[in-house]
């Protein structure tokens, strides 16, 4: 009985780690949770009530966004249109617009990559 509980906790921790790894690579938390068989409700519980998970999640998400911005800029520099670069990385163009509004350096880099 005790071994089953220990294994269940270890499996849960492996799922949390896998979701963190995906988020660092730019996946949304929801998409990653589905990929690993974790329901949306469980993910939300972790995000709002599991302090260690929440503490790791925010920096992981920031890292993922930085990664996606780098991918987007590389696509733009390769000659892709903004809409096509966003679609290639499976990101909504409105998300990119929000990033541009919130991050002046990113906005400048996008404008430079687009030749504006």
Protein backbone atom coordinates (compact mmCIF):
# COMPACT_ATOMS: atom_id res chain seq x y z
CA UNK A 1 0.00 0.00 0.00
CA UNK A 2 2.75 2.43 0.96
CA UNK A 3 4.73 1.60 -2.19
CA UNK A 4 1.68 2.35 -4.38
CA UNK A 5 1.29 5.76 -2.78
CA UNK A 6 4.99 6.53 -3.22
CA UNK A 7 4.86 5.48 -6.87
CA UNK A 8 1.73 7.56 -7.46
CA UNK A 9 3.46 10.63 -6.01
CA UNK A 10 6.53 10.00 -8.14
CA UNK A 11 4.38 9.64 -11.26
CA UNK A 12 2.61 12.93 -10.45
CA UNK A 13 5.97 14.66 -9.99
CA UNK A 14 7.18 13.27 -13.34
CA UNK A 15 4.05 14.70 -15.01
CA UNK A 16 4.65 18.08 -13.38
CA UNK A 17 8.27 18.04 -14.54
CA UNK A 18 7.25 17.07 -18.07
CA UNK A 19 4.73 19.93 -18.20
CA UNK A 20 7.41 22.35 -16.95
CA UNK A 21 9.81 21.17 -19.64
CA UNK A 22 7.16 21.69 -22.32
CA UNK A 23 6.24 25.15 -21.03
CA UNK A 24 9.93 26.12 -21.16
CA UNK A 25 9.87 25.14 -24.84
CA UNK A 26 6.92 27.41 -25.57
CA UNK A 27 3.99 25.01 -25.25
CA UNK A 28 0.89 26.27 -23.50
CA UNK A 29 0.29 24.65 -20.13
CA UNK A 30 -3.08 23.34 -21.33
CA UNK A 31 -1.63 21.72 -24.45
CA UNK A 32 1.16 20.16 -22.44
CA UNK A 33 -1.26 18.85 -19.82
CA UNK A 34 -3.40 17.21 -22.54
CA UNK A 35 -0.26 15.73 -24.07
CA UNK A 36 0.63 14.11 -20.73
CA UNK A 37 -2.88 12.96 -19.86
CA UNK A 38 -3.50 15.53 -17.14
CA UNK A 39 -6.97 17.07 -17.08
CA UNK A 40 -7.37 20.83 -17.19
CA UNK A 41 -8.87 20.92 -13.69
CA UNK A 42 -5.86 19.16 -12.21
CA UNK A 43 -3.52 21.56 -13.98
CA UNK A 44 -5.44 24.54 -12.58
CA UNK A 45 -5.32 23.04 -9.09
CA UNK A 46 -1.55 22.76 -9.38
CA UNK A 47 -1.24 26.31 -10.74
CA UNK A 48 -3.32 27.90 -7.99
CA UNK A 49 -2.83 25.68 -4.94
CA UNK A 50 0.53 23.93 -5.31
CA UNK A 51 3.05 26.59 -4.21
CA UNK A 52 6.18 24.75 -5.43
CA UNK A 53 4.55 24.14 -8.85
CA UNK A 54 3.42 27.76 -9.09
CA UNK A 55 6.89 29.02 -8.12
CA UNK A 56 8.47 26.96 -10.91
CA UNK A 57 5.72 27.67 -13.45
CA UNK A 58 6.09 31.45 -13.76
CA UNK A 59 9.81 31.41 -14.65
CA UNK A 60 9.24 28.45 -16.98
CA UNK A 61 6.51 30.38 -18.80
CA UNK A 62 8.75 33.44 -19.15
CA UNK A 63 11.49 31.21 -20.58
CA UNK A 64 9.00 29.69 -23.02
CA UNK A 65 7.87 33.12 -24.20
CA UNK A 66 11.49 34.21 -24.71
CA UNK A 67 12.04 31.05 -26.76
CA UNK A 68 8.94 31.71 -28.88
CA UNK A 69 10.00 35.31 -29.47
CA UNK A 70 13.39 34.08 -30.69
CA UNK A 71 11.72 31.59 -33.06
CA UNK A 72 9.39 34.31 -34.37
CA UNK A 73 12.24 36.74 -35.02
CA UNK A 74 14.20 34.02 -36.83
CA UNK A 75 11.19 33.34 -39.05
CA UNK A 76 10.77 37.03 -39.82
CA UNK A 77 14.45 37.41 -40.63
CA UNK A 78 14.13 34.45 -42.99
CA UNK A 79 11.50 36.41 -44.91
CA UNK A 80 8.25 35.04 -43.52
CA UNK A 81 5.27 37.29 -43.01
CA UNK A 82 4.29 37.92 -39.40
CA UNK A 83 1.05 35.96 -39.81
CA UNK A 84 2.88 33.00 -41.36
CA UNK A 85 5.61 33.01 -38.71
CA UNK A 86 2.94 33.02 -35.99
CA UNK A 87 1.08 30.16 -37.64
CA UNK A 88 4.28 28.13 -38.01
CA UNK A 89 4.89 28.32 -34.28
CA UNK A 90 1.19 27.73 -33.52
CA UNK A 91 0.76 31.08 -31.81
CA UNK A 92 -2.16 33.42 -32.29
CA UNK A 93 -1.19 36.72 -33.97
CA UNK A 94 -3.03 38.61 -31.20
CA UNK A 95 -0.64 37.02 -28.68
CA UNK A 96 2.26 38.41 -30.66
CA UNK A 97 0.61 41.83 -30.73
CA UNK A 98 0.32 41.70 -26.94
CA UNK A 99 4.01 40.80 -26.64
CA UNK A 100 4.87 43.74 -28.89
CA UNK A 101 2.81 46.14 -26.76
CA UNK A 102 4.33 44.94 -23.49
CA UNK A 103 7.95 44.63 -24.66
CA UNK A 104 9.40 47.66 -26.49
CA UNK A 105 12.66 45.84 -27.28
CA UNK A 106 10.73 43.00 -28.90
CA UNK A 107 8.61 45.53 -30.81
CA UNK A 108 11.79 47.18 -32.13
CA UNK A 109 13.26 43.79 -33.09
CA UNK A 110 10.07 42.81 -34.95
CA UNK A 111 10.01 46.13 -36.80
CA UNK A 112 13.67 45.72 -37.75
CA UNK A 113 13.09 42.14 -38.94
CA UNK A 114 10.15 43.34 -41.04
CA UNK A 115 12.29 46.14 -42.48
CA UNK A 116 10.16 48.97 -41.05
